[in-house]
Structures are given as structure tokens and as C-alpha cells.
PDB file of all heavy atoms in Angstrom:
ATOM      1  N   THR A   1       2.689  -2.984   0.842  1.00  0.00           N
ATOM      2  CA  THR A   1       3.831  -2.076   0.741  1.00  0.00           C
ATOM      3  C   THR A   1       3.736  -0.992   1.815  1.00  0.00           C
ATOM      4  O   THR A   1       4.741  -0.643   2.451  1.00  0.00           O
ATOM      5  CB  THR A   1       3.898  -1.441  -0.652  1.00  0.00           C
ATOM      6  OG1 THR A   1       3.931  -2.477  -1.641  1.00  0.00           O
ATOM      7  CG2 THR A   1       5.136  -0.570  -0.799  1.00  0.00           C
ATOM      8  N   ASN A   2       2.533  -0.461   2.029  1.00  0.00           N
ATOM      9  CA  ASN A   2       2.339   0.493   3.129  1.00  0.00           C
ATOM     10  C   ASN A   2       2.780  -0.110   4.454  1.00  0.00           C
ATOM     11  O   ASN A   2       3.482   0.525   5.251  1.00  0.00           O
ATOM     12  CB  ASN A   2       0.865   0.897   3.222  1.00  0.00           C
ATOM     13  CG  ASN A   2       0.452   1.903   2.163  1.00  0.00           C
ATOM     14  OD1 ASN A   2       1.219   2.226   1.268  1.00  0.00           O
ATOM     15  ND2 ASN A   2      -0.776   2.396   2.262  1.00  0.00           N
ATOM     16  N   VAL A   3       2.362  -1.352   4.682  1.00  0.00           N
ATOM     17  CA  VAL A   3       2.698  -2.026   5.938  1.00  0.00           C
ATOM     18  C   VAL A   3       4.194  -2.321   6.013  1.00  0.00           C
ATOM     19  O   VAL A   3       4.814  -2.186   7.072  1.00  0.00           O
ATOM     20  CB  VAL A   3       1.870  -3.322   6.097  1.00  0.00           C
ATOM     21  CG1 VAL A   3       2.332  -4.122   7.315  1.00  0.00           C
ATOM     22  CG2 VAL A   3       0.385  -2.989   6.213  1.00  0.00           C
ATOM     23  N   ALA A   4       4.775  -2.700   4.883  1.00  0.00           N
ATOM     24  CA  ALA A   4       6.215  -2.978   4.864  1.00  0.00           C
ATOM     25  C   ALA A   4       7.002  -1.731   5.257  1.00  0.00           C
ATOM     26  O   ALA A   4       7.985  -1.803   6.012  1.00  0.00           O
ATOM     27  CB  ALA A   4       6.646  -3.478   3.492  1.00  0.00           C
ATOM     28  N   TRP A   5       6.584  -0.581   4.741  1.00  0.00           N
ATOM     29  CA  TRP A   5       7.255   0.666   5.127  1.00  0.00           C
ATOM     30  C   TRP A   5       7.041   0.971   6.608  1.00  0.00           C
ATOM     31  O   TRP A   5       7.937   1.468   7.290  1.00  0.00           O
ATOM     32  CB  TRP A   5       6.766   1.827   4.256  1.00  0.00           C
ATOM     33  CG  TRP A   5       7.668   2.092   3.094  1.00  0.00           C
ATOM     34  CD1 TRP A   5       7.411   1.899   1.772  1.00  0.00           C
ATOM     35  CD2 TRP A   5       9.006   2.594   3.161  1.00  0.00           C
ATOM     36  NE1 TRP A   5       8.505   2.235   1.004  1.00  0.00           N
ATOM     37  CE2 TRP A   5       9.493   2.673   1.834  1.00  0.00           C
ATOM     38  CE3 TRP A   5       9.847   2.966   4.205  1.00  0.00           C
ATOM     39  CZ2 TRP A   5      10.781   3.120   1.530  1.00  0.00           C
ATOM     40  CZ3 TRP A   5      11.134   3.416   3.901  1.00  0.00           C
ATOM     41  CH2 TRP A   5      11.584   3.493   2.591  1.00  0.00           C
ATOM     42  N   LYS A   6       5.854   0.693   7.095  1.00  0.00           N
ATOM     43  CA  LYS A   6       5.590   0.854   8.537  1.00  0.00           C
ATOM     44  C   LYS A   6       6.567   0.005   9.349  1.00  0.00           C
ATOM     45  O   LYS A   6       7.179   0.468  10.323  1.00  0.00           O
ATOM     46  CB  LYS A   6       4.149   0.451   8.855  1.00  0.00           C
ATOM     47  CG  LYS A   6       3.775   0.477  10.336  1.00  0.00           C
ATOM     48  CD  LYS A   6       2.310   0.088  10.515  1.00  0.00           C
ATOM     49  CE  LYS A   6       1.879   0.204  11.976  1.00  0.00           C
ATOM     50  NZ  LYS A   6       2.470  -0.839  12.837  1.00  0.00           N
ATOM     51  N   MET A   7       6.744  -1.237   8.933  1.00  0.00           N
ATOM     52  CA  MET A   7       7.654  -2.152   9.621  1.00  0.00           C
ATOM     53  C   MET A   7       9.095  -1.662   9.545  1.00  0.00           C
ATOM     54  O   MET A   7       9.841  -1.707  10.524  1.00  0.00           O
ATOM     55  CB  MET A   7       7.533  -3.552   9.024  1.00  0.00           C
ATOM     56  CG  MET A   7       6.167  -4.187   9.226  1.00  0.00           C
ATOM     57  SD  MET A   7       5.907  -5.640   8.173  1.00  0.00           S
ATOM     58  CE  MET A   7       7.068  -6.796   8.905  1.00  0.00           C
ATOM     59  N   ALA A   8       9.484  -1.183   8.357  1.00  0.00           N
ATOM     60  CA  ALA A   8      10.857  -0.710   8.178  1.00  0.00           C
ATOM     61  C   ALA A   8      11.137   0.499   9.064  1.00  0.00           C
ATOM     62  O   ALA A   8      12.200   0.598   9.690  1.00  0.00           O
ATOM     63  CB  ALA A   8      11.097  -0.362   6.705  1.00  0.00           C
ATOM     64  N   MET A   9      10.210   1.433   9.106  1.00  0.00           N
ATOM     65  CA  MET A   9      10.416   2.642   9.895  1.00  0.00           C
ATOM     66  C   MET A   9      10.439   2.339  11.391  1.00  0.00           C
ATOM     67  O   MET A   9      11.183   2.972  12.152  1.00  0.00           O
ATOM     68  CB  MET A   9       9.320   3.661   9.578  1.00  0.00           C
ATOM     69  CG  MET A   9       9.376   4.215   8.163  1.00  0.00           C
ATOM     70  SD  MET A   9      10.917   5.086   7.779  1.00  0.00           S
ATOM     71  CE  MET A   9      10.745   6.535   8.808  1.00  0.00           C
ATOM     72  N   GLU A  10       9.652   1.379  11.804  1.00  0.00           N
ATOM     73  CA  GLU A  10       9.589   1.044  13.228  1.00  0.00           C
ATOM     74  C   GLU A  10      10.728   0.136  13.669  1.00  0.00           C
ATOM     75  O   GLU A  10      10.995   0.011  14.870  1.00  0.00           O
ATOM     76  CB  GLU A  10       8.240   0.394  13.551  1.00  0.00           C
ATOM     77  CG  GLU A  10       7.070   1.362  13.414  1.00  0.00           C
ATOM     78  CD  GLU A  10       5.718   0.702  13.603  1.00  0.00           C
ATOM     79  OE1 GLU A  10       5.682  -0.559  13.722  1.00  0.00           O
ATOM     80  OE2 GLU A  10       4.696   1.416  13.611  1.00  0.00           O
ATOM     81  N   ASN A  11      11.415  -0.490  12.717  1.00  0.00           N
ATOM     82  CA  ASN A  11      12.536  -1.369  13.055  1.00  0.00           C
ATOM     83  C   ASN A  11      13.791  -0.529  13.260  1.00  0.00           C
ATOM     84  O   ASN A  11      14.432  -0.107  12.301  1.00  0.00           O
ATOM     85  CB  ASN A  11      12.766  -2.399  11.950  1.00  0.00           C
ATOM     86  CG  ASN A  11      13.958  -3.294  12.247  1.00  0.00           C
ATOM     87  OD1 ASN A  11      14.411  -3.398  13.389  1.00  0.00           O
ATOM     88  ND2 ASN A  11      14.472  -3.950  11.224  1.00  0.00           N
ATOM     89  N   GLN A  12      14.163  -0.299  14.499  1.00  0.00           N
ATOM     90  CA  GLN A  12      15.357   0.480  14.807  1.00  0.00           C
ATOM     91  C   GLN A  12      16.482  -0.393  15.355  1.00  0.00           C
ATOM     92  O   GLN A  12      17.469   0.109  15.885  1.00  0.00           O
ATOM     93  CB  GLN A  12      15.006   1.593  15.793  1.00  0.00           C
ATOM     94  CG  GLN A  12      14.000   2.574  15.211  1.00  0.00           C
ATOM     95  CD  GLN A  12      13.899   3.865  15.995  1.00  0.00           C
ATOM     96  OE1 GLN A  12      14.854   4.328  16.599  1.00  0.00           O
ATOM     97  NE2 GLN A  12      12.719   4.448  15.992  1.00  0.00           N
ATOM     98  N   LYS A  13      16.327  -1.708  15.213  1.00  0.00           N
ATOM     99  CA  LYS A  13      17.336  -2.638  15.718  1.00  0.00           C
ATOM    100  C   LYS A  13      18.267  -3.156  14.628  1.00  0.00           C
ATOM    101  O   LYS A  13      19.438  -3.442  14.892  1.00  0.00           O
ATOM    102  CB  LYS A  13      16.655  -3.840  16.381  1.00  0.00           C
ATOM    103  CG  LYS A  13      15.921  -3.530  17.673  1.00  0.00           C
ATOM    104  CD  LYS A  13      15.349  -4.817  18.241  1.00  0.00           C
ATOM    105  CE  LYS A  13      14.660  -4.586  19.565  1.00  0.00           C
ATOM    106  NZ  LYS A  13      14.115  -5.868  20.114  1.00  0.00           N
ATOM    107  N   THR A  14      17.737  -3.312  13.418  1.00  0.00           N
ATOM    108  CA  THR A  14      18.492  -3.971  12.350  1.00  0.00           C
ATOM    109  C   THR A  14      18.157  -3.323  11.011  1.00  0.00           C
ATOM    110  O   THR A  14      17.157  -2.605  10.880  1.00  0.00           O
ATOM    111  CB  THR A  14      18.122  -5.469  12.250  1.00  0.00           C
ATOM    112  OG1 THR A  14      16.732  -5.587  11.910  1.00  0.00           O
ATOM    113  CG2 THR A  14      18.373  -6.204  13.552  1.00  0.00           C
ATOM    114  N   PRO A  15      18.948  -3.580   9.977  1.00  0.00           N
ATOM    115  CA  PRO A  15      18.582  -3.111   8.640  1.00  0.00           C
ATOM    116  C   PRO A  15      17.359  -3.847   8.099  1.00  0.00           C
ATOM    117  O   PRO A  15      17.086  -4.989   8.479  1.00  0.00           O
ATOM    118  CB  PRO A  15      19.822  -3.412   7.800  1.00  0.00           C
ATOM    119  CG  PRO A  15      20.578  -4.457   8.549  1.00  0.00           C
ATOM    120  CD  PRO A  15      20.263  -4.255   9.993  1.00  0.00           C
ATOM    121  N   THR A  16      16.645  -3.164   7.219  1.00  0.00           N
ATOM    122  CA  THR A  16      15.454  -3.720   6.576  1.00  0.00           C
ATOM    123  C   THR A  16      15.581  -3.529   5.074  1.00  0.00           C
ATOM    124  O   THR A  16      16.039  -2.484   4.609  1.00  0.00           O
ATOM    125  CB  THR A  16      14.177  -2.997   7.056  1.00  0.00           C
ATOM    126  OG1 THR A  16      14.107  -3.031   8.473  1.00  0.00           O
ATOM    127  CG2 THR A  16      12.932  -3.648   6.467  1.00  0.00           C
ATOM    128  N   GLY A  17      15.164  -4.538   4.315  1.00  0.00           N
ATOM    129  CA  GLY A  17      15.146  -4.432   2.864  1.00  0.00           C
ATOM    130  C   GLY A  17      13.739  -4.580   2.321  1.00  0.00           C
ATOM    131  O   GLY A  17      13.025  -5.510   2.716  1.00  0.00           O
ATOM    132  N   LEU A  18      13.333  -3.674   1.448  1.00  0.00           N
ATOM    133  CA  LEU A  18      12.047  -3.770   0.762  1.00  0.00           C
ATOM    134  C   LEU A  18      12.315  -4.181  -0.678  1.00  0.00           C
ATOM    135  O   LEU A  18      13.059  -3.508  -1.400  1.00  0.00           O
ATOM    136  CB  LEU A  18      11.306  -2.431   0.796  1.00  0.00           C
ATOM    137  CG  LEU A  18      10.499  -2.109   2.052  1.00  0.00           C
ATOM    138  CD1 LEU A  18      11.417  -1.903   3.247  1.00  0.00           C
ATOM    139  CD2 LEU A  18       9.635  -0.870   1.844  1.00  0.00           C
ATOM    140  N   ILE A  19      11.708  -5.287  -1.089  1.00  0.00           N
ATOM    141  CA  ILE A  19      11.944  -5.868  -2.408  1.00  0.00           C
ATOM    142  C   ILE A  19      10.676  -5.651  -3.227  1.00  0.00           C
ATOM    143  O   ILE A  19       9.626  -6.239  -2.935  1.00  0.00           O
ATOM    144  CB  ILE A  19      12.291  -7.364  -2.282  1.00  0.00           C
ATOM    145  CG1 ILE A  19      13.482  -7.555  -1.323  1.00  0.00           C
ATOM    146  CG2 ILE A  19      12.590  -7.971  -3.645  1.00  0.00           C
ATOM    147  CD1 ILE A  19      13.739  -9.004  -0.937  1.00  0.00           C
ATOM    148  N   LEU A  20      10.762  -4.785  -4.246  1.00  0.00           N
ATOM    149  CA  LEU A  20       9.569  -4.243  -4.886  1.00  0.00           C
ATOM    150  C   LEU A  20       9.524  -4.521  -6.385  1.00  0.00           C
ATOM    151  O   LEU A  20      10.552  -4.616  -7.044  1.00  0.00           O
ATOM    152  CB  LEU A  20       9.523  -2.730  -4.646  1.00  0.00           C
ATOM    153  CG  LEU A  20       9.661  -2.294  -3.173  1.00  0.00           C
ATOM    154  CD1 LEU A  20       9.841  -0.797  -3.075  1.00  0.00           C
ATOM    155  CD2 LEU A  20       8.446  -2.756  -2.370  1.00  0.00           C
ATOM    156  N   SER A  21       8.314  -4.585  -6.904  1.00  0.00           N
ATOM    157  CA  SER A  21       8.124  -4.965  -8.310  1.00  0.00           C
ATOM    158  C   SER A  21       8.226  -3.780  -9.254  1.00  0.00           C
ATOM    159  O   SER A  21       7.936  -2.638  -8.898  1.00  0.00           O
ATOM    160  CB  SER A  21       6.754  -5.622  -8.490  1.00  0.00           C
ATOM    161  OG  SER A  21       5.730  -4.635  -8.473  1.00  0.00           O
ATOM    162  N   ARG A  22       8.643  -4.084 -10.480  1.00  0.00           N
ATOM    163  CA  ARG A  22       8.601  -3.088 -11.554  1.00  0.00           C
ATOM    164  C   ARG A  22       7.209  -3.025 -12.159  1.00  0.00           C
ATOM    165  O   ARG A  22       6.690  -1.957 -12.469  1.00  0.00           O
ATOM    166  CB  ARG A  22       9.614  -3.451 -12.635  1.00  0.00           C
ATOM    167  CG  ARG A  22       9.570  -2.501 -13.830  1.00  0.00           C
ATOM    168  CD  ARG A  22      10.059  -3.190 -15.090  1.00  0.00           C
ATOM    169  NE  ARG A  22      10.220  -2.263 -16.204  1.00  0.00           N
ATOM    170  CZ  ARG A  22      10.371  -2.639 -17.449  1.00  0.00           C
ATOM    171  NH1 ARG A  22      10.394  -3.927 -17.737  1.00  0.00           N
ATOM    172  NH2 ARG A  22      10.509  -1.757 -18.417  1.00  0.00           N
ATOM    173  N   GLN A  23       6.594  -4.201 -12.341  1.00  0.00           N
ATOM    174  CA  GLN A  23       5.325  -4.285 -13.059  1.00  0.00           C
ATOM    175  C   GLN A  23       4.149  -4.136 -12.098  1.00  0.00           C
ATOM    176  O   GLN A  23       4.255  -4.345 -10.904  1.00  0.00           O
ATOM    177  CB  GLN A  23       5.229  -5.618 -13.812  1.00  0.00           C
ATOM    178  CG  GLN A  23       4.753  -6.831 -13.014  1.00  0.00           C
ATOM    179  CD  GLN A  23       5.766  -7.354 -12.008  1.00  0.00           C
ATOM    180  OE1 GLN A  23       6.894  -6.905 -11.963  1.00  0.00           O
ATOM    181  NE2 GLN A  23       5.357  -8.315 -11.196  1.00  0.00           N
ATOM    182  N   GLY A  24       2.999  -3.771 -12.682  1.00  0.00           N
ATOM    183  CA  GLY A  24       1.784  -3.680 -11.883  1.00  0.00           C
ATOM    184  C   GLY A  24       1.370  -5.033 -11.337  1.00  0.00           C
ATOM    185  O   GLY A  24       1.627  -6.077 -11.942  1.00  0.00           O
ATOM    186  N   ILE A  25       0.736  -5.001 -10.167  1.00  0.00           N
ATOM    187  CA  ILE A  25       0.265  -6.233  -9.515  1.00  0.00           C
ATOM    188  C   ILE A  25      -1.200  -6.031  -9.130  1.00  0.00           C
ATOM    189  O   ILE A  25      -1.566  -4.991  -8.562  1.00  0.00           O
ATOM    190  CB  ILE A  25       1.072  -6.536  -8.233  1.00  0.00           C
ATOM    191  CG1 ILE A  25       2.566  -6.694  -8.544  1.00  0.00           C
ATOM    192  CG2 ILE A  25       0.544  -7.785  -7.543  1.00  0.00           C
ATOM    193  CD1 ILE A  25       3.429  -6.824  -7.296  1.00  0.00           C
ATOM    194  N   LYS A  26      -2.033  -7.002  -9.414  1.00  0.00           N
ATOM    195  CA  LYS A  26      -3.433  -6.917  -8.990  1.00  0.00           C
ATOM    196  C   LYS A  26      -3.504  -6.921  -7.464  1.00  0.00           C
ATOM    197  O   LYS A  26      -2.846  -7.721  -6.802  1.00  0.00           O
ATOM    198  CB  LYS A  26      -4.228  -8.098  -9.555  1.00  0.00           C
ATOM    199  CG  LYS A  26      -4.479  -8.005 -11.051  1.00  0.00           C
ATOM    200  CD  LYS A  26      -5.380  -9.135 -11.526  1.00  0.00           C
ATOM    201  CE  LYS A  26      -5.657  -9.006 -13.021  1.00  0.00           C
ATOM    202  NZ  LYS A  26      -6.519 -10.106 -13.509  1.00  0.00           N
ATOM    203  N   ASP A  27      -4.307  -6.014  -6.924  1.00  0.00           N
ATOM    204  CA  ASP A  27      -4.480  -5.984  -5.475  1.00  0.00           C
ATOM    205  C   ASP A  27      -5.089  -7.299  -5.006  1.00  0.00           C
ATOM    206  O   ASP A  27      -5.926  -7.903  -5.690  1.00  0.00           O
ATOM    207  CB  ASP A  27      -5.395  -4.832  -5.075  1.00  0.00           C
ATOM    208  CG  ASP A  27      -4.731  -3.479  -5.302  1.00  0.00           C
ATOM    209  OD1 ASP A  27      -3.528  -3.464  -5.610  1.00  0.00           O
ATOM    210  OD2 ASP A  27      -5.414  -2.452  -5.175  1.00  0.00           O
ATOM    211  N   LEU A  28      -4.685  -7.722  -3.829  1.00  0.00           N
ATOM    212  CA  LEU A  28      -5.224  -8.967  -3.281  1.00  0.00           C
ATOM    213  C   LEU A  28      -6.669  -8.754  -2.836  1.00  0.00           C
ATOM    214  O   LEU A  28      -7.050  -7.645  -2.436  1.00  0.00           O
ATOM    215  CB  LEU A  28      -4.365  -9.429  -2.102  1.00  0.00           C
ATOM    216  CG  LEU A  28      -2.898  -9.736  -2.439  1.00  0.00           C
ATOM    217  CD1 LEU A  28      -2.177 -10.289  -1.216  1.00  0.00           C
ATOM    218  CD2 LEU A  28      -2.787 -10.713  -3.602  1.00  0.00           C
ATOM    219  N   PRO A  29      -7.479  -9.801  -2.902  1.00  0.00           N
ATOM    220  CA  PRO A  29      -8.895  -9.663  -2.512  1.00  0.00           C
ATOM    221  C   PRO A  29      -9.027  -9.298  -1.036  1.00  0.00           C
ATOM    222  O   PRO A  29      -8.179  -9.655  -0.216  1.00  0.00           O
ATOM    223  CB  PRO A  29      -9.480 -11.044  -2.811  1.00  0.00           C
ATOM    224  CG  PRO A  29      -8.310 -11.967  -2.846  1.00  0.00           C
ATOM    225  CD  PRO A  29      -7.159 -11.165  -3.360  1.00  0.00           C
ATOM    226  N   VAL A  30     -10.087  -8.573  -0.744  1.00  0.00           N
ATOM    227  CA  VAL A  30     -10.325  -8.111   0.626  1.00  0.00           C
ATOM    228  C   VAL A  30     -11.343  -9.022   1.286  1.00  0.00           C
ATOM    229  O   VAL A  30     -12.398  -9.312   0.730  1.00  0.00           O
ATOM    230  CB  VAL A  30     -10.844  -6.656   0.621  1.00  0.00           C
ATOM    231  CG1 VAL A  30     -11.034  -6.148   2.039  1.00  0.00           C
ATOM    232  CG2 VAL A  30      -9.883  -5.756  -0.143  1.00  0.00           C
ATOM    233  N   LYS A  31     -11.021  -9.497   2.478  1.00  0.00           N
ATOM    234  CA  LYS A  31     -11.938 -10.354   3.226  1.00  0.00           C
ATOM    235  C   LYS A  31     -12.871  -9.528   4.105  1.00  0.00           C
ATOM    236  O   LYS A  31     -14.055  -9.808   4.220  1.00  0.00           O
ATOM    237  CB  LYS A  31     -11.150 -11.330   4.111  1.00  0.00           C
ATOM    238  CG  LYS A  31     -10.325 -12.348   3.346  1.00  0.00           C
ATOM    239  CD  LYS A  31      -9.687 -13.373   4.283  1.00  0.00           C
ATOM    240  CE  LYS A  31      -8.617 -12.728   5.163  1.00  0.00           C
ATOM    241  NZ  LYS A  31      -7.952 -13.733   6.039  1.00  0.00           N
ATOM    242  N   SER A  32     -12.327  -8.477   4.726  1.00  0.00           N
ATOM    243  CA  SER A  32     -13.061  -7.746   5.760  1.00  0.00           C
ATOM    244  C   SER A  32     -13.598  -6.406   5.304  1.00  0.00           C
ATOM    245  O   SER A  32     -14.363  -5.770   6.025  1.00  0.00           O
ATOM    246  CB  SER A  32     -12.137  -7.503   6.949  1.00  0.00           C
ATOM    247  OG  SER A  32     -11.072  -6.634   6.556  1.00  0.00           O
ATOM    248  N   GLY A  33     -13.166  -5.957   4.150  1.00  0.00           N
ATOM    249  CA  GLY A  33     -13.552  -4.623   3.721  1.00  0.00           C
ATOM    250  C   GLY A  33     -12.451  -3.603   3.896  1.00  0.00           C
ATOM    251  O   GLY A  33     -12.552  -2.481   3.429  1.00  0.00           O
ATOM    252  N   ASN A  34     -11.358  -3.990   4.579  1.00  0.00           N
ATOM    253  CA  ASN A  34     -10.237  -3.062   4.790  1.00  0.00           C
ATOM    254  C   ASN A  34      -8.942  -3.787   4.484  1.00  0.00           C
ATOM    255  O   ASN A  34      -8.416  -4.517   5.327  1.00  0.00           O
ATOM    256  CB  ASN A  34     -10.236  -2.536   6.231  1.00  0.00           C
ATOM    257  CG  ASN A  34      -9.226  -1.421   6.436  1.00  0.00           C
ATOM    258  OD1 ASN A  34      -8.105  -1.466   5.924  1.00  0.00           O
ATOM    259  ND2 ASN A  34      -9.612  -0.409   7.201  1.00  0.00           N
TER     260      ASN A  34
END
């Protein structure tokens, strides 16, 4: 979601839509530590 907002803010050519959940979601596993 942080990255999606980064993409939306940097996109100055076209509209952007963020499609977001109501319910909690388990964070995805980390491969690299970040």
C-alpha cells in the first residue's frame, strides 16, 4: 500500500485507482529482511 501510494503520487500522466481492503490482511513474508 505504501508503494501503491508512491506510484499514484508519481503518476502525473493518468488517473490512478487504489483498491483497498476493509478487513485485516496478514503481511506477506519477507525474503530479504525489508
